[in-house]
Amino acid sequence: MPFELVDAVLAETRTVQQRLRDLPSRVGVYFLLAMCLFPDVGYCLVWDKLTAGLSGMPPGLFVGEGVA
């Protein structure tokens, strides 16, 4: 699901975070979708699957607009 679509839905529902948080709204959406894709495993394994390709990437790389 493209970032733009997730950001548009968050903006339309007025649920975009107003300040930088440990878990931005966009990440929460992707985590929820991943939990639906892997309903038989726990949160930690879902998080591991969701973030498996991000190791070695600099923090904050995907922080979008709207984060103050």
PDB file of N, CA and C in Angstrom:
ATOM      1  N   MET A   1       0.855  -1.164   0.000  1.00  0.00           N
ATOM      2  CA  MET A   1       0.000   0.000   0.000  1.00  0.00           C
ATOM      3  C   MET A   1       0.906   1.234   0.000  1.00  0.00           C
ATOM      4  N   PRO A   2       0.698   2.136  -0.939  1.00  0.00           N
ATOM      5  CA  PRO A   2       1.584   3.311  -1.052  1.00  0.00           C
ATOM      6  C   PRO A   2       1.471   4.257   0.153  1.00  0.00           C
ATOM      7  N   PHE A   3       2.607   4.871   0.488  1.00  0.00           N
ATOM      8  CA  PHE A   3       2.632   5.843   1.592  1.00  0.00           C
ATOM      9  C   PHE A   3       1.595   6.940   1.376  1.00  0.00           C
ATOM     10  N   GLU A   4       1.461   7.371   0.128  1.00  0.00           N
ATOM     11  CA  GLU A   4       0.546   8.478  -0.174  1.00  0.00           C
ATOM     12  C   GLU A   4      -0.894   8.141   0.202  1.00  0.00           C
ATOM     13  N   LEU A   5      -1.309   6.923  -0.056  1.00  0.00           N
ATOM     14  CA  LEU A   5      -2.667   6.501   0.284  1.00  0.00           C
ATOM     15  C   LEU A   5      -2.859   6.460   1.796  1.00  0.00           C
ATOM     16  N   VAL A   6      -1.893   5.890   2.494  1.00  0.00           N
ATOM     17  CA  VAL A   6      -1.972   5.835   3.961  1.00  0.00           C
ATOM     18  C   VAL A   6      -2.002   7.250   4.529  1.00  0.00           C
ATOM     19  N   ASP A   7      -1.140   8.125   4.025  1.00  0.00           N
ATOM     20  CA  ASP A   7      -1.104   9.511   4.511  1.00  0.00           C
ATOM     21  C   ASP A   7      -2.416  10.238   4.231  1.00  0.00           C
ATOM     22  N   ALA A   8      -3.018   9.980   3.059  1.00  0.00           N
ATOM     23  CA  ALA A   8      -4.288  10.624   2.716  1.00  0.00           C
ATOM     24  C   ALA A   8      -5.404  10.171   3.655  1.00  0.00           C
ATOM     25  N   VAL A   9      -5.446   8.887   3.961  1.00  0.00           N
ATOM     26  CA  VAL A   9      -6.471   8.370   4.876  1.00  0.00           C
ATOM     27  C   VAL A   9      -6.263   8.932   6.278  1.00  0.00           C
ATOM     28  N   LEU A  10      -5.023   8.974   6.727  1.00  0.00           N
ATOM     29  CA  LEU A  10      -4.743   9.541   8.051  1.00  0.00           C
ATOM     30  C   LEU A  10      -5.134  11.014   8.115  1.00  0.00           C
ATOM     31  N   ALA A  11      -4.855  11.753   7.051  1.00  0.00           N
ATOM     32  CA  ALA A  11      -5.211  13.176   7.015  1.00  0.00           C
ATOM     33  C   ALA A  11      -6.729  13.355   6.984  1.00  0.00           C
ATOM     34  N   GLU A  12      -7.414  12.539   6.184  1.00  0.00           N
ATOM     35  CA  GLU A  12      -8.867  12.643   6.070  1.00  0.00           C
ATOM     36  C   GLU A  12      -9.569  12.319   7.382  1.00  0.00           C
ATOM     37  N   THR A  13      -9.016  11.389   8.129  1.00  0.00           N
ATOM     38  CA  THR A  13      -9.619  11.002   9.407  1.00  0.00           C
ATOM     39  C   THR A  13      -9.057  11.793  10.583  1.00  0.00           C
ATOM     40  N   ARG A  14      -8.162  12.731  10.278  1.00  0.00           N
ATOM     41  CA  ARG A  14      -7.541  13.598  11.291  1.00  0.00           C
ATOM     42  C   ARG A  14      -6.844  12.806  12.389  1.00  0.00           C
ATOM     43  N   THR A  15      -6.117  11.774  11.967  1.00  0.00           N
ATOM     44  CA  THR A  15      -5.412  10.932  12.939  1.00  0.00           C
ATOM     45  C   THR A  15      -3.899  10.957  12.752  1.00  0.00           C
ATOM     46  N   VAL A  16      -3.386  11.926  12.000  1.00  0.00           N
ATOM     47  CA  VAL A  16      -1.935  12.075  11.854  1.00  0.00           C
ATOM     48  C   VAL A  16      -1.381  12.633  13.153  1.00  0.00           C
ATOM     49  N   GLN A  17      -0.259  12.074  13.587  1.00  0.00           N
ATOM     50  CA  GLN A  17       0.337  12.568  14.829  1.00  0.00           C
ATOM     51  C   GLN A  17       0.733  14.036  14.673  1.00  0.00           C
ATOM     52  N   GLN A  18       0.666  14.770  15.755  1.00  0.00           N
ATOM     53  CA  GLN A  18       1.006  16.192  15.736  1.00  0.00           C
ATOM     54  C   GLN A  18       2.458  16.449  16.099  1.00  0.00           C
ATOM     55  N   ARG A  19       3.125  15.469  16.661  1.00  0.00           N
ATOM     56  CA  ARG A  19       4.545  15.593  17.004  1.00  0.00           C
ATOM     57  C   ARG A  19       5.218  14.251  16.766  1.00  0.00           C
ATOM     58  N   LEU A  20       6.522  14.259  16.715  1.00  0.00           N
ATOM     59  CA  LEU A  20       7.280  13.043  16.436  1.00  0.00           C
ATOM     60  C   LEU A  20       7.127  12.062  17.595  1.00  0.00           C
ATOM     61  N   ARG A  21       6.773  10.851  17.265  1.00  0.00           N
ATOM     62  CA  ARG A  21       6.565   9.809  18.270  1.00  0.00           C
ATOM     63  C   ARG A  21       7.437   8.606  17.925  1.00  0.00           C
ATOM     64  N   ASP A  22       7.578   7.687  18.883  1.00  0.00           N
ATOM     65  CA  ASP A  22       8.336   6.469  18.634  1.00  0.00           C
ATOM     66  C   ASP A  22       7.678   5.616  17.550  1.00  0.00           C
ATOM     67  N   LEU A  23       6.352   5.636  17.488  1.00  0.00           N
ATOM     68  CA  LEU A  23       5.619   4.874  16.484  1.00  0.00           C
ATOM     69  C   LEU A  23       4.675   5.830  15.754  1.00  0.00           C
ATOM     70  N   PRO A  24       5.114   6.368  14.610  1.00  0.00           N
ATOM     71  CA  PRO A  24       4.261   7.302  13.864  1.00  0.00           C
ATOM     72  C   PRO A  24       2.974   6.636  13.389  1.00  0.00           C
ATOM     73  N   SER A  25       1.972   7.441  13.109  1.00  0.00           N
ATOM     74  CA  SER A  25       0.664   6.943  12.666  1.00  0.00           C
ATOM     75  C   SER A  25       0.790   6.030  11.458  1.00  0.00           C
ATOM     76  N   ARG A  26       1.612   6.419  10.499  1.00  0.00           N
ATOM     77  CA  ARG A  26       1.784   5.614   9.281  1.00  0.00           C
ATOM     78  C   ARG A  26       2.290   4.215   9.623  1.00  0.00           C
ATOM     79  N   VAL A  27       3.233   4.126  10.529  1.00  0.00           N
ATOM     80  CA  VAL A  27       3.773   2.822  10.926  1.00  0.00           C
ATOM     81  C   VAL A  27       2.699   1.998  11.627  1.00  0.00           C
ATOM     82  N   GLY A  28       1.866   2.661  12.429  1.00  0.00           N
ATOM     83  CA  GLY A  28       0.775   1.961  13.092  1.00  0.00           C
ATOM     84  C   GLY A  28      -0.190   1.322  12.105  1.00  0.00           C
ATOM     85  N   VAL A  29      -0.457   2.007  10.992  1.00  0.00           N
ATOM     86  CA  VAL A  29      -1.341   1.453   9.961  1.00  0.00           C
ATOM     87  C   VAL A  29      -0.708   0.209   9.348  1.00  0.00           C
ATOM     88  N   TYR A  30       0.571   0.307   8.993  1.00  0.00           N
ATOM     89  CA  TYR A  30       1.240  -0.850   8.395  1.00  0.00           C
ATOM     90  C   TYR A  30       1.350  -2.016   9.385  1.00  0.00           C
ATOM     91  N   PHE A  31       1.541  -1.712  10.659  1.00  0.00           N
ATOM     92  CA  PHE A  31       1.599  -2.762  11.675  1.00  0.00           C
ATOM     93  C   PHE A  31       0.243  -3.464  11.794  1.00  0.00           C
ATOM     94  N   LEU A  32      -0.838  -2.693  11.780  1.00  0.00           N
ATOM     95  CA  LEU A  32      -2.176  -3.279  11.838  1.00  0.00           C
ATOM     96  C   LEU A  32      -2.434  -4.173  10.619  1.00  0.00           C
ATOM     97  N   LEU A  33      -2.052  -3.710   9.438  1.00  0.00           N
ATOM     98  CA  LEU A  33      -2.212  -4.528   8.229  1.00  0.00           C
ATOM     99  C   LEU A  33      -1.389  -5.809   8.322  1.00  0.00           C
ATOM    100  N   ALA A  34      -0.176  -5.696   8.834  1.00  0.00           N
ATOM    101  CA  ALA A  34       0.678  -6.878   8.976  1.00  0.00           C
ATOM    102  C   ALA A  34       0.090  -7.861   9.986  1.00  0.00           C
ATOM    103  N   MET A  35      -0.514  -7.345  11.060  1.00  0.00           N
ATOM    104  CA  MET A  35      -1.148  -8.237  12.038  1.00  0.00           C
ATOM    105  C   MET A  35      -2.308  -9.002  11.401  1.00  0.00           C
ATOM    106  N   CYS A  36      -3.009  -8.370  10.459  1.00  0.00           N
ATOM    107  CA  CYS A  36      -4.096  -9.049   9.741  1.00  0.00           C
ATOM    108  C   CYS A  36      -3.554 -10.113   8.787  1.00  0.00           C
ATOM    109  N   LEU A  37      -2.382  -9.863   8.216  1.00  0.00           N
ATOM    110  CA  LEU A  37      -1.774 -10.830   7.301  1.00  0.00           C
ATOM    111  C   LEU A  37      -1.217 -12.045   8.021  1.00  0.00           C
ATOM    112  N   PHE A  38      -0.794 -11.857   9.257  1.00  0.00           N
ATOM    113  CA  PHE A  38      -0.187 -12.936  10.044  1.00  0.00           C
ATOM    114  C   PHE A  38      -0.939 -13.096  11.365  1.00  0.00           C
ATOM    115  N   PRO A  39      -2.207 -13.548  11.323  1.00  0.00           N
ATOM    116  CA  PRO A  39      -3.023 -13.580  12.540  1.00  0.00           C
ATOM    117  C   PRO A  39      -2.614 -14.647  13.546  1.00  0.00           C
ATOM    118  N   ASP A  40      -1.828 -15.625  13.128  1.00  0.00           N
ATOM    119  CA  ASP A  40      -1.498 -16.736  14.023  1.00  0.00           C
ATOM    120  C   ASP A  40      -0.173 -16.574  14.753  1.00  0.00           C
ATOM    121  N   VAL A  41       0.486 -15.442  14.581  1.00  0.00           N
ATOM    122  CA  VAL A  41       1.765 -15.216  15.274  1.00  0.00           C
ATOM    123  C   VAL A  41       1.613 -14.020  16.208  1.00  0.00           C
ATOM    124  N   GLY A  42       2.506 -13.880  17.142  1.00  0.00           N
ATOM    125  CA  GLY A  42       2.430 -12.787  18.104  1.00  0.00           C
ATOM    126  C   GLY A  42       2.915 -11.465  17.546  1.00  0.00           C
ATOM    127  N   TYR A  43       2.714 -10.424  18.342  1.00  0.00           N
ATOM    128  CA  TYR A  43       3.095  -9.076  17.933  1.00  0.00           C
ATOM    129  C   TYR A  43       4.573  -8.975  17.569  1.00  0.00           C
ATOM    130  N   CYS A  44       5.425  -9.598  18.371  1.00  0.00           N
ATOM    131  CA  CYS A  44       6.869  -9.487  18.130  1.00  0.00           C
ATOM    132  C   CYS A  44       7.271 -10.078  16.785  1.00  0.00           C
ATOM    133  N   LEU A  45       6.728 -11.228  16.441  1.00  0.00           N
ATOM    134  CA  LEU A  45       7.058 -11.836  15.154  1.00  0.00           C
ATOM    135  C   LEU A  45       6.491 -11.015  13.999  1.00  0.00           C
ATOM    136  N   VAL A  46       5.293 -10.464  14.173  1.00  0.00           N
ATOM    137  CA  VAL A  46       4.728  -9.585  13.143  1.00  0.00           C
ATOM    138  C   VAL A  46       5.636  -8.372  12.957  1.00  0.00           C
ATOM    139  N   TRP A  47       6.080  -7.772  14.055  1.00  0.00           N
ATOM    140  CA  TRP A  47       6.975  -6.610  13.968  1.00  0.00           C
ATOM    141  C   TRP A  47       8.276  -6.995  13.271  1.00  0.00           C
ATOM    142  N   ASP A  48       8.808  -8.171  13.598  1.00  0.00           N
ATOM    143  CA  ASP A  48      10.032  -8.644  12.949  1.00  0.00           C
ATOM    144  C   ASP A  48       9.835  -8.796  11.445  1.00  0.00           C
ATOM    145  N   LYS A  49       8.695  -9.336  11.027  1.00  0.00           N
ATOM    146  CA  LYS A  49       8.402  -9.487   9.600  1.00  0.00           C
ATOM    147  C   LYS A  49       8.259  -8.122   8.934  1.00  0.00           C
ATOM    148  N   LEU A  50       7.610  -7.205   9.612  1.00  0.00           N
ATOM    149  CA  LEU A  50       7.367  -5.874   9.062  1.00  0.00           C
ATOM    150  C   LEU A  50       8.663  -5.084   8.883  1.00  0.00           C
ATOM    151  N   THR A  51       9.597  -5.269   9.790  1.00  0.00           N
ATOM    152  CA  THR A  51      10.826  -4.469   9.770  1.00  0.00           C
ATOM    153  C   THR A  51      12.048  -5.222   9.263  1.00  0.00           C
ATOM    154  N   ALA A  52      11.865  -6.437   8.772  1.00  0.00           N
ATOM    155  CA  ALA A  52      12.998  -7.274   8.363  1.00  0.00           C
ATOM    156  C   ALA A  52      13.894  -6.601   7.326  1.00  0.00           C
ATOM    157  N   GLY A  53      13.334  -5.872   6.403  1.00  0.00           N
ATOM    158  CA  GLY A  53      14.134  -5.252   5.348  1.00  0.00           C
ATOM    159  C   GLY A  53      14.733  -3.916   5.718  1.00  0.00           C
ATOM    160  N   LEU A  54      14.508  -3.448   6.924  1.00  0.00           N
ATOM    161  CA  LEU A  54      14.965  -2.113   7.308  1.00  0.00           C
ATOM    162  C   LEU A  54      16.299  -2.094   8.042  1.00  0.00           C
ATOM    163  N   SER A  55      16.869  -3.256   8.336  1.00  0.00           N
ATOM    164  CA  SER A  55      18.124  -3.256   9.096  1.00  0.00           C
ATOM    165  C   SER A  55      19.212  -2.548   8.299  1.00  0.00           C
ATOM    166  N   GLY A  56      19.949  -1.719   8.979  1.00  0.00           N
ATOM    167  CA  GLY A  56      21.036  -0.979   8.354  1.00  0.00           C
ATOM    168  C   GLY A  56      20.619   0.343   7.729  1.00  0.00           C
ATOM    169  N   MET A  57      19.324   0.648   7.723  1.00  0.00           N
ATOM    170  CA  MET A  57      18.859   1.919   7.167  1.00  0.00           C
ATOM    171  C   MET A  57      18.933   2.990   8.247  1.00  0.00           C
ATOM    172  N   PRO A  58      19.219   4.230   7.860  1.00  0.00           N
ATOM    173  CA  PRO A  58      19.291   5.304   8.858  1.00  0.00           C
ATOM    174  C   PRO A  58      17.918   5.601   9.455  1.00  0.00           C
ATOM    175  N   PRO A  59      17.865   5.890  10.757  1.00  0.00           N
ATOM    176  CA  PRO A  59      16.584   6.207  11.391  1.00  0.00           C
ATOM    177  C   PRO A  59      16.000   7.487  10.810  1.00  0.00           C
ATOM    178  N   GLY A  60      14.675   7.544  10.735  1.00  0.00           N
ATOM    179  CA  GLY A  60      14.005   8.742  10.268  1.00  0.00           C
ATOM    180  C   GLY A  60      13.923   8.874   8.767  1.00  0.00           C
ATOM    181  N   LEU A  61      14.345   7.862   8.036  1.00  0.00           N
ATOM    182  CA  LEU A  61      14.380   7.933   6.575  1.00  0.00           C
ATOM    183  C   LEU A  61      12.981   8.096   5.991  1.00  0.00           C
ATOM    184  N   PHE A  62      11.981   7.473   6.602  1.00  0.00           N
ATOM    185  CA  PHE A  62      10.639   7.485   6.042  1.00  0.00           C
ATOM    186  C   PHE A  62       9.684   8.376   6.800  1.00  0.00           C
ATOM    187  N   VAL A  63      10.179   9.322   7.559  1.00  0.00           N
ATOM    188  CA  VAL A  63       9.302  10.242   8.274  1.00  0.00           C
ATOM    189  C   VAL A  63       8.715  11.197   7.249  1.00  0.00           C
ATOM    190  N   GLY A  64       7.391  11.254   7.205  1.00  0.00           N
ATOM    191  CA  GLY A  64       6.723  12.054   6.182  1.00  0.00           C
ATOM    192  C   GLY A  64       6.410  13.457   6.654  1.00  0.00           C
ATOM    193  N   GLU A  65       5.748  14.181   5.765  1.00  0.00           N
ATOM    194  CA  GLU A  65       5.314  15.527   6.087  1.00  0.00           C
ATOM    195  C   GLU A  65       4.222  15.467   7.144  1.00  0.00           C
ATOM    196  N   GLY A  66       4.004  16.565   7.810  1.00  0.00           N
ATOM    197  CA  GLY A  66       2.967  16.601   8.823  1.00  0.00           C
ATOM    198  C   GLY A  66       3.481  16.276  10.206  1.00  0.00           C
ATOM    199  N   VAL A  67       4.722  15.873  10.283  1.00  0.00           N
ATOM    200  CA  VAL A  67       5.320  15.580  11.584  1.00  0.00           C
ATOM    201  C   VAL A  67       6.071  16.823  12.003  1.00  0.00           C
ATOM    202  N   ALA A  68       5.662  17.393  13.108  1.00  0.00           N
ATOM    203  CA  ALA A  68       6.303  18.635  13.566  1.00  0.00           C
ATOM    204  C   ALA A  68       7.315  18.335  14.645  1.00  0.00           C
TER     205      ALA A  68
END
